[in-house]
Amino acid sequence: MRIGNLDFGREPLFLAPMEDVTDVSFRVLCKEQGAAMVYTEFVPSDGLIRDADKAIAKMRTLPQEAPVGIQIYGHIPESMVDAARMADRAAEIAGGHGADVIDINFGCPVSKIAGRGAGSGMMREPDKMVAITKAVVEAVNKPVTVKTRLGWDESSKIIVDLAERLQDVGIQAITIHGRTRQQMYKGSADWTLIGEVKANPRMRIPVIGNGDITDGPKAREAFSRYGVDAIMIGRASFGHPWIFKEIRQYLDTGIPAAPMPVAERVALAKRHFDLSLHYKGEKRGIFEMRRHLSCYFKGLPDFKSTRMRLVTSTDPEEIRSILDYIALTWADVPLEASSVYDI
């Protein structure tokens, strides 16, 4: 599978862009664990053009993450074009590696974004979505991709026609989350329409499927049954960066990966924690690690009180001590398979 000049090989696995999740520390770990491409947190186009420090900081990527996509969102065409040009020059503006791909977020369902017409709010204005995409493609040198959903609601699942229209204005891959905006993250992802997009004989670009992939067998079904070119993994990666390694093993060998031992999880959590503090500072680094730390040890028995201590402490040394305690206390506890990460 290729996007522009980037060759990802057969059946690649991508890390989905997620706000307050896919920061540089997490992206580095997921890349090391087998993610073929990672994406930044989504960057607001209006924040970038106002030179907002937080928005610009999100564009800073590292060479060891490459290839990496910078994702932008917004609903004002001129702002999106300006933001795309800045993302195209991210190495110069924000430092680091920069972008290999510029991705447009037409999929975020949260009300504060979709409610004002950005993210999946664009599903109600497909003509505007196509026009913005065309303008962005024409404004930058990097490959442009789109991440979107099936439609706004059950009565407006427009993705088959929309995907073709987006392709025809120049995007080089499309990622489809198998839910409507109204579903948010409820119910099950519907992969049948993703399969229809891939089966459309007029589609020439890679189709990346997203939604409810939590283990190797589900990934194998997505590739084999629906024919997608790649899979993007989102919420199942929380506190579970080695999911890419597990799924890769199953895809390549048909053999499920053994659950990662507690000691190895602790070592990975410590490294993740240290990277988070290094790149985000103590206060923000601790706060944004809580989502992950609450998930690193899913499946451990009698863990509730320890988890509460882990995700409420504000002292880095205390958190490290709790992690050491976990390694000692649950060292010999047998773990369930990775299905404990089902969400």
C-alpha atoms as a PDB file:
ATOM      1  CA  MET A   1       0.000   0.000   0.000  1.00  0.00           C
ATOM      2  CA  ARG A   2       1.243   3.459  -0.900  1.00  0.00           C
ATOM      3  CA  ILE A   3       0.356   7.048  -0.085  1.00  0.00           C
ATOM      4  CA  GLY A   4       2.281   9.277  -2.452  1.00  0.00           C
ATOM      5  CA  ASN A   5       5.881   8.087  -2.292  1.00  0.00           C
ATOM      6  CA  LEU A   6       5.389   6.341   1.062  1.00  0.00           C
ATOM      7  CA  ASP A   7       5.364   2.547   0.838  1.00  0.00           C
ATOM      8  CA  PHE A   8       3.759   0.828   3.846  1.00  0.00           C
ATOM      9  CA  GLY A   9       3.918  -2.729   2.601  1.00  0.00           C
ATOM     10  CA  ARG A  10       1.033  -5.166   2.929  1.00  0.00           C
ATOM     11  CA  GLU A  11      -1.769  -4.780   5.485  1.00  0.00           C
ATOM     12  CA  PRO A  12      -0.295  -1.906   7.513  1.00  0.00           C
ATOM     13  CA  LEU A  13      -1.651  -0.731  10.861  1.00  0.00           C
ATOM     14  CA  PHE A  14      -1.988   2.987  11.605  1.00  0.00           C
ATOM     15  CA  LEU A  15      -2.440   4.860  14.885  1.00  0.00           C
ATOM     16  CA  ALA A  16      -5.521   7.103  14.748  1.00  0.00           C
ATOM     17  CA  PRO A  17      -5.199  10.806  15.578  1.00  0.00           C
ATOM     18  CA  MET A  18      -6.840  11.445  18.955  1.00  0.00           C
ATOM     19  CA  GLU A  19      -6.985  14.614  21.017  1.00  0.00           C
ATOM     20  CA  ASP A  20      -5.091  14.430  24.328  1.00  0.00           C
ATOM     21  CA  VAL A  21      -3.931  10.922  23.405  1.00  0.00           C
ATOM     22  CA  THR A  22      -1.595  10.844  20.415  1.00  0.00           C
ATOM     23  CA  ASP A  23       1.048  13.195  21.724  1.00  0.00           C
ATOM     24  CA  VAL A  24       4.686  12.684  20.833  1.00  0.00           C
ATOM     25  CA  SER A  25       5.403  10.338  23.762  1.00  0.00           C
ATOM     26  CA  PHE A  26       2.601   7.944  22.809  1.00  0.00           C
ATOM     27  CA  ARG A  27       3.341   8.141  19.089  1.00  0.00           C
ATOM     28  CA  VAL A  28       6.970   7.138  19.659  1.00  0.00           C
ATOM     29  CA  LEU A  29       5.916   4.071  21.650  1.00  0.00           C
ATOM     30  CA  CYS A  30       3.300   2.999  19.114  1.00  0.00           C
ATOM     31  CA  LYS A  31       5.803   3.383  16.307  1.00  0.00           C
ATOM     32  CA  GLU A  32       8.277   1.186  18.172  1.00  0.00           C
ATOM     33  CA  GLN A  33       5.531  -1.383  18.716  1.00  0.00           C
ATOM     34  CA  GLY A  34       4.727  -1.720  15.026  1.00  0.00           C
ATOM     35  CA  ALA A  35       2.460   1.145  13.917  1.00  0.00           C
ATOM     36  CA  ALA A  36       3.252   1.781  10.253  1.00  0.00           C
ATOM     37  CA  MET A  37       2.169   5.419  10.504  1.00  0.00           C
ATOM     38  CA  VAL A  38       1.136   7.648  13.387  1.00  0.00           C
ATOM     39  CA  TYR A  39      -0.792  10.916  13.467  1.00  0.00           C
ATOM     40  CA  THR A  40      -0.676  13.987  15.669  1.00  0.00           C
ATOM     41  CA  GLU A  41      -3.526  15.175  17.797  1.00  0.00           C
ATOM     42  CA  PHE A  42      -5.831  17.221  15.591  1.00  0.00           C
ATOM     43  CA  VAL A  43      -4.705  20.795  15.160  1.00  0.00           C
ATOM     44  CA  PRO A  44      -7.310  23.597  14.951  1.00  0.00           C
ATOM     45  CA  SER A  45      -6.882  25.687  11.829  1.00  0.00           C
ATOM     46  CA  ASP A  46      -8.000  28.866  13.567  1.00  0.00           C
ATOM     47  CA  GLY A  47      -5.498  28.206  16.377  1.00  0.00           C
ATOM     48  CA  LEU A  48      -2.650  27.836  13.924  1.00  0.00           C
ATOM     49  CA  ILE A  49      -3.291  30.990  11.975  1.00  0.00           C
ATOM     50  CA  ARG A  50      -3.472  32.952  15.256  1.00  0.00           C
ATOM     51  CA  ASP A  51       0.003  31.562  16.031  1.00  0.00           C
ATOM     52  CA  ALA A  52      -1.327  29.824  19.133  1.00  0.00           C
ATOM     53  CA  ASP A  53       1.589  28.181  20.910  1.00  0.00           C
ATOM     54  CA  LYS A  54      -0.389  25.063  21.847  1.00  0.00           C
ATOM     55  CA  ALA A  55      -1.557  24.476  18.283  1.00  0.00           C
ATOM     56  CA  ILE A  56       1.932  24.945  16.858  1.00  0.00           C
ATOM     57  CA  ALA A  57       3.433  22.636  19.490  1.00  0.00           C
ATOM     58  CA  LYS A  58       1.124  19.854  18.298  1.00  0.00           C
ATOM     59  CA  MET A  59       2.816  20.012  14.910  1.00  0.00           C
ATOM     60  CA  ARG A  60       6.249  19.161  16.308  1.00  0.00           C
ATOM     61  CA  THR A  61       7.196  15.622  15.356  1.00  0.00           C
ATOM     62  CA  LEU A  62      10.373  13.584  15.745  1.00  0.00           C
ATOM     63  CA  PRO A  63      12.425  11.728  13.114  1.00  0.00           C
ATOM     64  CA  GLN A  64      11.843   8.393  14.879  1.00  0.00           C
ATOM     65  CA  GLU A  65       8.095   8.756  14.337  1.00  0.00           C
ATOM     66  CA  ALA A  66       8.328   8.986  10.564  1.00  0.00           C
ATOM     67  CA  PRO A  67       6.263   8.584   8.556  1.00  0.00           C
ATOM     68  CA  VAL A  68       3.879  10.792  10.487  1.00  0.00           C
ATOM     69  CA  GLY A  69       0.736  12.680   9.548  1.00  0.00           C
ATOM     70  CA  ILE A  70      -0.292  16.090  10.872  1.00  0.00           C
ATOM     71  CA  GLN A  71      -4.070  16.367  11.110  1.00  0.00           C
ATOM     72  CA  ILE A  72      -5.889  19.687  10.832  1.00  0.00           C
ATOM     73  CA  TYR A  73      -9.551  20.571  11.261  1.00  0.00           C
ATOM     74  CA  GLY A  74     -11.833  23.542  10.767  1.00  0.00           C
ATOM     75  CA  HIS A  75     -14.793  24.778   8.737  1.00  0.00           C
ATOM     76  CA  ILE A  76     -13.540  28.040   7.215  1.00  0.00           C
ATOM     77  CA  PRO A  77     -11.936  27.400   3.817  1.00  0.00           C
ATOM     78  CA  GLU A  78      -9.364  30.184   4.029  1.00  0.00           C
ATOM     79  CA  SER A  79      -8.263  29.144   7.505  1.00  0.00           C
ATOM     80  CA  MET A  80      -7.949  25.516   6.446  1.00  0.00           C
ATOM     81  CA  VAL A  81      -5.761  26.473   3.499  1.00  0.00           C
ATOM     82  CA  ASP A  82      -3.523  28.623   5.707  1.00  0.00           C
ATOM     83  CA  ALA A  83      -3.288  25.856   8.307  1.00  0.00           C
ATOM     84  CA  ALA A  84      -2.441  23.280   5.661  1.00  0.00           C
ATOM     85  CA  ARG A  85       0.372  25.483   4.373  1.00  0.00           C
ATOM     86  CA  MET A  86       1.713  25.773   7.919  1.00  0.00           C
ATOM     87  CA  ALA A  87       1.508  22.009   8.389  1.00  0.00           C
ATOM     88  CA  ASP A  88       3.378  21.638   5.104  1.00  0.00           C
ATOM     89  CA  ARG A  89       6.165  23.758   6.663  1.00  0.00           C
ATOM     90  CA  ALA A  90       5.894  22.204  10.128  1.00  0.00           C
ATOM     91  CA  ALA A  91       9.579  21.322  10.376  1.00  0.00           C
ATOM     92  CA  GLU A  92      10.425  24.994   9.876  1.00  0.00           C
ATOM     93  CA  ILE A  93       7.627  26.407  12.047  1.00  0.00           C
ATOM     94  CA  ALA A  94       7.484  23.914  14.922  1.00  0.00           C
ATOM     95  CA  GLY A  95      10.843  22.161  14.631  1.00  0.00           C
ATOM     96  CA  GLY A  96      11.494  18.464  14.404  1.00  0.00           C
ATOM     97  CA  HIS A  97      10.720  16.201  11.472  1.00  0.00           C
ATOM     98  CA  GLY A  98       7.599  17.852  10.108  1.00  0.00           C
ATOM     99  CA  ALA A  99       4.802  16.114   8.225  1.00  0.00           C
ATOM    100  CA  ASP A 100       4.938  13.295   5.702  1.00  0.00           C
ATOM    101  CA  VAL A 101       1.164  13.512   5.181  1.00  0.00           C
ATOM    102  CA  ILE A 102      -1.417  16.223   5.854  1.00  0.00           C
ATOM    103  CA  ASP A 103      -4.702  14.748   7.033  1.00  0.00           C
ATOM    104  CA  ILE A 104      -8.028  16.584   7.165  1.00  0.00           C
ATOM    105  CA  ASN A 105     -10.324  15.741  10.061  1.00  0.00           C
ATOM    106  CA  PHE A 106     -13.882  15.385   8.800  1.00  0.00           C
ATOM    107  CA  GLY A 107     -14.698  12.748  11.410  1.00  0.00           C
ATOM    108  CA  CYS A 108     -14.536  14.118  14.974  1.00  0.00           C
ATOM    109  CA  PRO A 109     -18.063  13.821  16.428  1.00  0.00           C
ATOM    110  CA  VAL A 110     -17.760  15.853  19.644  1.00  0.00           C
ATOM    111  CA  SER A 111     -20.314  18.636  19.911  1.00  0.00           C
ATOM    112  CA  LYS A 112     -17.889  21.532  20.361  1.00  0.00           C
ATOM    113  CA  ILE A 113     -16.345  20.669  16.976  1.00  0.00           C
ATOM    114  CA  ALA A 114     -19.115  19.055  14.924  1.00  0.00           C
ATOM    115  CA  GLY A 115     -21.689  21.498  16.281  1.00  0.00           C
ATOM    116  CA  ARG A 116     -19.975  24.420  14.601  1.00  0.00           C
ATOM    117  CA  GLY A 117     -19.585  22.648  11.292  1.00  0.00           C
ATOM    118  CA  ALA A 118     -16.062  21.246  11.633  1.00  0.00           C
ATOM    119  CA  GLY A 119     -15.044  17.597  11.987  1.00  0.00           C
ATOM    120  CA  SER A 120     -17.983  15.317  11.206  1.00  0.00           C
ATOM    121  CA  GLY A 121     -20.193  18.408  11.120  1.00  0.00           C
ATOM    122  CA  MET A 122     -18.975  18.687   7.542  1.00  0.00           C
ATOM    123  CA  MET A 123     -21.029  15.590   6.670  1.00  0.00           C
ATOM    124  CA  ARG A 124     -24.049  17.922   6.484  1.00  0.00           C
ATOM    125  CA  GLU A 125     -22.255  20.066   3.883  1.00  0.00           C
ATOM    126  CA  PRO A 126     -20.589  17.649   1.461  1.00  0.00           C
ATOM    127  CA  ASP A 127     -20.128  20.268  -1.248  1.00  0.00           C
ATOM    128  CA  LYS A 128     -18.253  22.489   1.180  1.00  0.00           C
ATOM    129  CA  MET A 129     -16.226  19.507   2.389  1.00  0.00           C
ATOM    130  CA  VAL A 130     -15.147  18.732  -1.160  1.00  0.00           C
ATOM    131  CA  ALA A 131     -14.345  22.389  -1.875  1.00  0.00           C
ATOM    132  CA  ILE A 132     -12.175  22.701   1.246  1.00  0.00           C
ATOM    133  CA  THR A 133     -10.380  19.487   0.387  1.00  0.00           C
ATOM    134  CA  LYS A 134      -9.688  20.650  -3.159  1.00  0.00           C
ATOM    135  CA  ALA A 135      -8.311  23.974  -1.896  1.00  0.00           C
ATOM    136  CA  VAL A 136      -6.027  22.218   0.612  1.00  0.00           C
ATOM    137  CA  VAL A 137      -4.725  19.749  -1.984  1.00  0.00           C
ATOM    138  CA  GLU A 138      -3.869  22.609  -4.331  1.00  0.00           C
ATOM    139  CA  ALA A 139      -2.157  24.617  -1.578  1.00  0.00           C
ATOM    140  CA  VAL A 140       0.448  22.087  -0.359  1.00  0.00           C
ATOM    141  CA  ASN A 141       3.189  19.821  -1.612  1.00  0.00           C
ATOM    142  CA  LYS A 142       2.654  16.916   0.794  1.00  0.00           C
ATOM    143  CA  PRO A 143       0.108  14.142   0.154  1.00  0.00           C
ATOM    144  CA  VAL A 144      -3.320  15.058   1.524  1.00  0.00           C
ATOM    145  CA  THR A 145      -5.603  12.459   3.091  1.00  0.00           C
ATOM    146  CA  VAL A 146      -9.031  12.617   4.732  1.00  0.00           C
ATOM    147  CA  LYS A 147     -10.511  10.914   7.795  1.00  0.00           C
ATOM    148  CA  THR A 148     -14.292  10.873   7.943  1.00  0.00           C
ATOM    149  CA  ARG A 149     -17.403   8.858   8.867  1.00  0.00           C
ATOM    150  CA  LEU A 150     -20.266   7.110   7.076  1.00  0.00           C
ATOM    151  CA  GLY A 151     -22.524  10.150   7.235  1.00  0.00           C
ATOM    152  CA  TRP A 152     -24.285  12.483   9.639  1.00  0.00           C
ATOM    153  CA  ASP A 153     -27.002  10.012  10.679  1.00  0.00           C
ATOM    154  CA  GLU A 154     -28.704   6.792   9.605  1.00  0.00           C
ATOM    155  CA  SER A 155     -30.687   8.571   6.903  1.00  0.00           C
ATOM    156  CA  SER A 156     -27.652  10.235   5.297  1.00  0.00           C
ATOM    157  CA  LYS A 157     -24.915   7.656   4.861  1.00  0.00           C
ATOM    158  CA  ILE A 158     -23.252   9.369   1.910  1.00  0.00           C
ATOM    159  CA  ILE A 159     -19.769   7.893   2.165  1.00  0.00           C
ATOM    160  CA  VAL A 160     -19.718   5.821  -1.057  1.00  0.00           C
ATOM    161  CA  ASP A 161     -20.377   8.827  -3.285  1.00  0.00           C
ATOM    162  CA  LEU A 162     -18.452  11.221  -1.048  1.00  0.00           C
ATOM    163  CA  ALA A 163     -15.290   9.110  -1.050  1.00  0.00           C
ATOM    164  CA  GLU A 164     -15.219   9.155  -4.829  1.00  0.00           C
ATOM    165  CA  ARG A 165     -15.718  12.915  -4.929  1.00  0.00           C
ATOM    166  CA  LEU A 166     -12.881  13.468  -2.443  1.00  0.00           C
ATOM    167  CA  GLN A 167     -10.627  11.216  -4.478  1.00  0.00           C
ATOM    168  CA  ASP A 168     -11.423  13.184  -7.602  1.00  0.00           C
ATOM    169  CA  VAL A 169     -10.200  16.464  -6.069  1.00  0.00           C
ATOM    170  CA  GLY A 170      -6.840  14.924  -5.245  1.00  0.00           C
ATOM    171  CA  ILE A 171      -6.649  13.182  -1.870  1.00  0.00           C
ATOM    172  CA  GLN A 172      -4.267  10.235  -1.836  1.00  0.00           C
ATOM    173  CA  ALA A 173      -6.013   8.050   0.772  1.00  0.00           C
ATOM    174  CA  ILE A 174      -9.234   8.050   2.777  1.00  0.00           C
ATOM    175  CA  THR A 175      -9.853   6.713   6.284  1.00  0.00           C
ATOM    176  CA  ILE A 176     -13.451   5.816   7.117  1.00  0.00           C
ATOM    177  CA  HIS A 177     -14.753   5.286  10.641  1.00  0.00           C
ATOM    178  CA  GLY A 178     -17.670   2.882  10.436  1.00  0.00           C
ATOM    179  CA  ARG A 179     -20.172   5.003  12.374  1.00  0.00           C
ATOM    180  CA  THR A 180     -22.265   8.086  11.707  1.00  0.00           C
ATOM    181  CA  ARG A 181     -21.745  11.294  13.629  1.00  0.00           C
ATOM    182  CA  GLN A 182     -24.988  10.742  15.531  1.00  0.00           C
ATOM    183  CA  GLN A 183     -23.716   7.393  16.779  1.00  0.00           C
ATOM    184  CA  MET A 184     -20.671   9.035  18.311  1.00  0.00           C
ATOM    185  CA  TYR A 185     -18.857   5.901  19.593  1.00  0.00           C
ATOM    186  CA  LYS A 186     -21.982   3.926  20.488  1.00  0.00           C
ATOM    187  CA  GLY A 187     -23.076   0.654  18.988  1.00  0.00           C
ATOM    188  CA  SER A 188     -20.894  -1.338  16.622  1.00  0.00           C
ATOM    189  CA  ALA A 189     -18.929   0.023  13.699  1.00  0.00           C
ATOM    190  CA  ASP A 190     -20.528  -0.888  10.355  1.00  0.00           C
ATOM    191  CA  TRP A 191     -17.807  -2.079   8.000  1.00  0.00           C
ATOM    192  CA  THR A 192     -20.155  -2.969   5.146  1.00  0.00           C
ATOM    193  CA  LEU A 193     -20.131   0.551   3.720  1.00  0.00           C
ATOM    194  CA  ILE A 194     -16.362   0.750   4.128  1.00  0.00           C
ATOM    195  CA  GLY A 195     -16.245  -2.415   2.029  1.00  0.00           C
ATOM    196  CA  GLU A 196     -18.554  -0.826  -0.555  1.00  0.00           C
ATOM    197  CA  VAL A 197     -16.212   2.142  -0.891  1.00  0.00           C
ATOM    198  CA  LYS A 198     -13.271  -0.210  -1.442  1.00  0.00           C
ATOM    199  CA  ALA A 199     -15.263  -2.292  -3.946  1.00  0.00           C
ATOM    200  CA  ASN A 200     -16.236   0.762  -6.004  1.00  0.00           C
ATOM    201  CA  PRO A 201     -14.411   0.164  -9.306  1.00  0.00           C
ATOM    202  CA  ARG A 202     -13.851   3.907  -9.703  1.00  0.00           C
ATOM    203  CA  MET A 203     -11.855   4.152  -6.461  1.00  0.00           C
ATOM    204  CA  ARG A 204      -8.107   4.204  -7.090  1.00  0.00           C
ATOM    205  CA  ILE A 205      -6.744   5.450  -3.760  1.00  0.00           C
ATOM    206  CA  PRO A 206      -6.157   3.377  -0.607  1.00  0.00           C
ATOM    207  CA  VAL A 207      -9.138   2.904   1.694  1.00  0.00           C
ATOM    208  CA  ILE A 208      -8.271   2.682   5.405  1.00  0.00           C
ATOM    209  CA  GLY A 209     -10.836   1.169   7.756  1.00  0.00           C
ATOM    210  CA  ASN A 210     -11.382   2.327  11.331  1.00  0.00           C
ATOM    211  CA  GLY A 211     -13.648   1.228  14.160  1.00  0.00           C
ATOM    212  CA  ASP A 212     -13.737  -1.528  16.778  1.00  0.00           C
ATOM    213  CA  ILE A 213     -10.480  -3.248  15.809  1.00  0.00           C
ATOM    214  CA  THR A 214      -9.212  -4.588  19.141  1.00  0.00           C
ATOM    215  CA  ASP A 215      -7.338  -7.772  18.270  1.00  0.00           C
ATOM    216  CA  GLY A 216      -5.783  -9.874  15.536  1.00  0.00           C
ATOM    217  CA  PRO A 217      -8.871 -11.856  14.466  1.00  0.00           C
ATOM    218  CA  LYS A 218     -10.903  -8.661  14.007  1.00  0.00           C
ATOM    219  CA  ALA A 219      -8.089  -7.142  11.957  1.00  0.00           C
ATOM    220  CA  ARG A 220      -7.844 -10.261   9.819  1.00  0.00           C
ATOM    221  CA  GLU A 221     -11.592 -10.155   9.132  1.00  0.00           C
ATOM    222  CA  ALA A 222     -11.400  -6.473   8.172  1.00  0.00           C
ATOM    223  CA  PHE A 223      -8.651  -7.107   5.642  1.00  0.00           C
ATOM    224  CA  SER A 224     -10.043 -10.363   4.261  1.00  0.00           C
ATOM    225  CA  ARG A 225     -13.765  -9.646   4.227  1.00  0.00           C
ATOM    226  CA  TYR A 226     -13.832  -5.954   3.369  1.00  0.00           C
ATOM    227  CA  GLY A 227     -10.638  -5.633   1.346  1.00  0.00           C
ATOM    228  CA  VAL A 228      -9.332  -2.483   3.013  1.00  0.00           C
ATOM    229  CA  ASP A 229      -5.759  -1.436   2.299  1.00  0.00           C
ATOM    230  CA  ALA A 230      -4.912  -0.554   5.897  1.00  0.00           C
ATOM    231  CA  ILE A 231      -6.478  -0.467   9.347  1.00  0.00           C
ATOM    232  CA  MET A 232      -6.446   2.461  11.744  1.00  0.00           C
ATOM    233  CA  ILE A 233      -6.607   1.729  15.471  1.00  0.00           C
ATOM    234  CA  GLY A 234      -7.946   4.291  17.904  1.00  0.00           C
ATOM    235  CA  ARG A 235      -9.420   3.787  21.369  1.00  0.00           C
ATOM    236  CA  ALA A 236      -8.146   0.214  21.730  1.00  0.00           C
ATOM    237  CA  SER A 237      -4.616   1.626  21.855  1.00  0.00           C
ATOM    238  CA  PHE A 238      -5.210   3.571  25.101  1.00  0.00           C
ATOM    239  CA  GLY A 239      -2.613   2.304  27.566  1.00  0.00           C
ATOM    240  CA  HIS A 240      -1.946  -0.509  25.105  1.00  0.00           C
ATOM    241  CA  PRO A 241       0.668   0.658  22.583  1.00  0.00           C
ATOM    242  CA  TRP A 242       1.789  -2.934  22.034  1.00  0.00           C
ATOM    243  CA  ILE A 243      -1.563  -3.697  20.355  1.00  0.00           C
ATOM    244  CA  PHE A 244       0.181  -3.045  17.040  1.00  0.00           C
ATOM    245  CA  LYS A 245       2.769  -5.733  17.781  1.00  0.00           C
ATOM    246  CA  GLU A 246       0.059  -8.182  18.856  1.00  0.00           C
ATOM    247  CA  ILE A 247      -2.069  -7.649  15.760  1.00  0.00           C
ATOM    248  CA  ARG A 248       0.956  -7.691  13.456  1.00  0.00           C
ATOM    249  CA  GLN A 249       1.960 -11.083  14.803  1.00  0.00           C
ATOM    250  CA  TYR A 250      -1.512 -12.491  14.220  1.00  0.00           C
ATOM    251  CA  LEU A 251      -1.739 -11.095  10.695  1.00  0.00           C
ATOM    252  CA  ASP A 252       1.679 -12.488   9.769  1.00  0.00           C
ATOM    253  CA  THR A 253       1.486 -15.878  11.491  1.00  0.00           C
ATOM    254  CA  GLY A 254      -2.099 -16.591  12.510  1.00  0.00           C
ATOM    255  CA  ILE A 255      -0.831 -17.150  16.054  1.00  0.00           C
ATOM    256  CA  PRO A 256      -2.277 -14.936  18.821  1.00  0.00           C
ATOM    257  CA  ALA A 257       0.293 -13.060  20.879  1.00  0.00           C
ATOM    258  CA  ALA A 258       0.726 -14.035  24.501  1.00  0.00           C
ATOM    259  CA  PRO A 259      -0.419 -11.329  26.952  1.00  0.00           C
ATOM    260  CA  MET A 260       2.397  -8.953  27.852  1.00  0.00           C
ATOM    261  CA  PRO A 261       3.687  -9.784  31.377  1.00  0.00           C
ATOM    262  CA  VAL A 262       3.034  -7.258  34.128  1.00  0.00           C
ATOM    263  CA  ALA A 263       6.740  -6.449  34.529  1.00  0.00           C
ATOM    264  CA  GLU A 264       6.990  -5.510  30.850  1.00  0.00           C
ATOM    265  CA  ARG A 265       3.853  -3.401  31.075  1.00  0.00           C
ATOM    266  CA  VAL A 266       5.296  -1.568  34.053  1.00  0.00           C
ATOM    267  CA  ALA A 267       8.557  -0.922  32.211  1.00  0.00           C
ATOM    268  CA  LEU A 268       6.661   0.428  29.206  1.00  0.00           C
ATOM    269  CA  ALA A 269       4.376   2.553  31.399  1.00  0.00           C
ATOM    270  CA  LYS A 270       7.425   4.044  33.153  1.00  0.00           C
ATOM    271  CA  ARG A 271       9.031   4.938  29.846  1.00  0.00           C
ATOM    272  CA  HIS A 272       5.784   6.427  28.579  1.00  0.00           C
ATOM    273  CA  PHE A 273       5.457   8.439  31.795  1.00  0.00           C
ATOM    274  CA  ASP A 274       9.010   9.768  31.589  1.00  0.00           C
ATOM    275  CA  LEU A 275       8.564  10.772  27.942  1.00  0.00           C
ATOM    276  CA  SER A 276       5.303  12.517  28.778  1.00  0.00           C
ATOM    277  CA  LEU A 277       6.951  14.580  31.509  1.00  0.00           C
ATOM    278  CA  HIS A 278       9.909  15.357  29.278  1.00  0.00           C
ATOM    279  CA  TYR A 279       7.825  16.687  26.403  1.00  0.00           C
ATOM    280  CA  LYS A 280       4.886  18.244  28.266  1.00  0.00           C
ATOM    281  CA  GLY A 281       6.207  19.219  31.666  1.00  0.00           C
ATOM    282  CA  GLU A 282       5.249  17.764  35.026  1.00  0.00           C
ATOM    283  CA  LYS A 283       1.719  19.096  35.533  1.00  0.00           C
ATOM    284  CA  ARG A 284       0.367  18.517  32.033  1.00  0.00           C
ATOM    285  CA  GLY A 285       2.418  15.359  31.525  1.00  0.00           C
ATOM    286  CA  ILE A 286       0.909  13.717  34.614  1.00  0.00           C
ATOM    287  CA  PHE A 287      -2.625  14.826  33.789  1.00  0.00           C
ATOM    288  CA  GLU A 288      -2.545  13.562  30.221  1.00  0.00           C
ATOM    289  CA  MET A 289      -0.966  10.231  31.227  1.00  0.00           C
ATOM    290  CA  ARG A 290      -3.924   9.339  33.428  1.00  0.00           C
ATOM    291  CA  ARG A 291      -5.997   8.085  30.497  1.00  0.00           C
ATOM    292  CA  HIS A 292      -3.214   5.658  29.617  1.00  0.00           C
ATOM    293  CA  LEU A 293      -2.236   4.627  33.138  1.00  0.00           C
ATOM    294  CA  SER A 294      -5.836   3.633  33.843  1.00  0.00           C
ATOM    295  CA  CYS A 295      -5.623   1.177  30.931  1.00  0.00           C
ATOM    296  CA  TYR A 296      -2.094  -0.260  31.127  1.00  0.00           C
ATOM    297  CA  PHE A 297      -3.132  -2.864  33.682  1.00  0.00           C
ATOM    298  CA  LYS A 298      -6.607  -3.877  32.595  1.00  0.00           C
ATOM    299  CA  GLY A 299      -7.350  -7.449  33.547  1.00  0.00           C
ATOM    300  CA  LEU A 300      -5.509  -7.417  36.866  1.00  0.00           C
ATOM    301  CA  PRO A 301      -7.641  -8.704  39.762  1.00  0.00           C
ATOM    302  CA  ASP A 302      -8.296  -6.574  42.850  1.00  0.00           C
ATOM    303  CA  PHE A 303      -6.745  -3.570  41.165  1.00  0.00           C
ATOM    304  CA  LYS A 304      -9.360  -0.843  41.692  1.00  0.00           C
ATOM    305  CA  SER A 305      -7.809   0.905  44.682  1.00  0.00           C
ATOM    306  CA  THR A 306      -4.338   0.827  43.133  1.00  0.00           C
ATOM    307  CA  ARG A 307      -5.693   2.218  39.881  1.00  0.00           C
ATOM    308  CA  MET A 308      -7.323   5.071  41.777  1.00  0.00           C
ATOM    309  CA  ARG A 309      -4.014   5.947  43.440  1.00  0.00           C
ATOM    310  CA  LEU A 310      -2.243   5.729  40.092  1.00  0.00           C
ATOM    311  CA  VAL A 311      -4.579   8.147  38.342  1.00  0.00           C
ATOM    312  CA  THR A 312      -5.048  10.667  41.152  1.00  0.00           C
ATOM    313  CA  SER A 313      -1.487  11.200  42.323  1.00  0.00           C
ATOM    314  CA  THR A 314       0.210  14.428  41.268  1.00  0.00           C
ATOM    315  CA  ASP A 315       3.690  13.433  42.484  1.00  0.00           C
ATOM    316  CA  PRO A 316       5.973  11.857  39.848  1.00  0.00           C
ATOM    317  CA  GLU A 317       7.963   9.870  42.416  1.00  0.00           C
ATOM    318  CA  GLU A 318       4.797   8.520  43.993  1.00  0.00           C
ATOM    319  CA  ILE A 319       3.544   7.401  40.600  1.00  0.00           C
ATOM    320  CA  ARG A 320       6.834   5.625  39.921  1.00  0.00           C
ATOM    321  CA  SER A 321       6.599   3.950  43.327  1.00  0.00           C
ATOM    322  CA  ILE A 322       3.077   2.760  42.598  1.00  0.00           C
ATOM    323  CA  LEU A 323       4.294   1.284  39.315  1.00  0.00           C
ATOM    324  CA  ASP A 324       7.058  -0.558  41.173  1.00  0.00           C
ATOM    325  CA  TYR A 325       4.440  -1.830  43.624  1.00  0.00           C
ATOM    326  CA  ILE A 326       2.346  -3.136  40.731  1.00  0.00           C
ATOM    327  CA  ALA A 327       5.330  -5.002  39.305  1.00  0.00           C
ATOM    328  CA  LEU A 328       5.951  -6.724  42.649  1.00  0.00           C
ATOM    329  CA  THR A 329       2.371  -7.396  43.714  1.00  0.00           C
ATOM    330  CA  TRP A 330       0.993  -8.776  40.441  1.00  0.00           C
ATOM    331  CA  ALA A 331       4.196 -10.288  39.059  1.00  0.00           C
ATOM    332  CA  ASP A 332       2.873 -13.862  39.009  1.00  0.00           C
ATOM    333  CA  VAL A 333      -0.775 -13.180  38.208  1.00  0.00           C
ATOM    334  CA  PRO A 334      -1.845 -14.836  34.934  1.00  0.00           C
ATOM    335  CA  LEU A 335      -3.335 -12.355  32.495  1.00  0.00           C
ATOM    336  CA  GLU A 336      -6.223 -12.823  30.129  1.00  0.00           C
ATOM    337  CA  ALA A 337      -5.808 -12.443  26.391  1.00  0.00           C
ATOM    338  CA  SER A 338      -5.908  -9.003  24.812  1.00  0.00           C
ATOM    339  CA  SER A 339      -9.713  -9.171  24.673  1.00  0.00           C
ATOM    340  CA  VAL A 340      -9.653  -7.370  28.021  1.00  0.00           C
ATOM    341  CA  TYR A 341      -9.088  -4.268  25.904  1.00  0.00           C
ATOM    342  CA  ASP A 342     -12.417  -4.575  24.111  1.00  0.00           C
ATOM    343  CA  ILE A 343     -14.278  -1.282  24.320  1.00  0.00           C
END
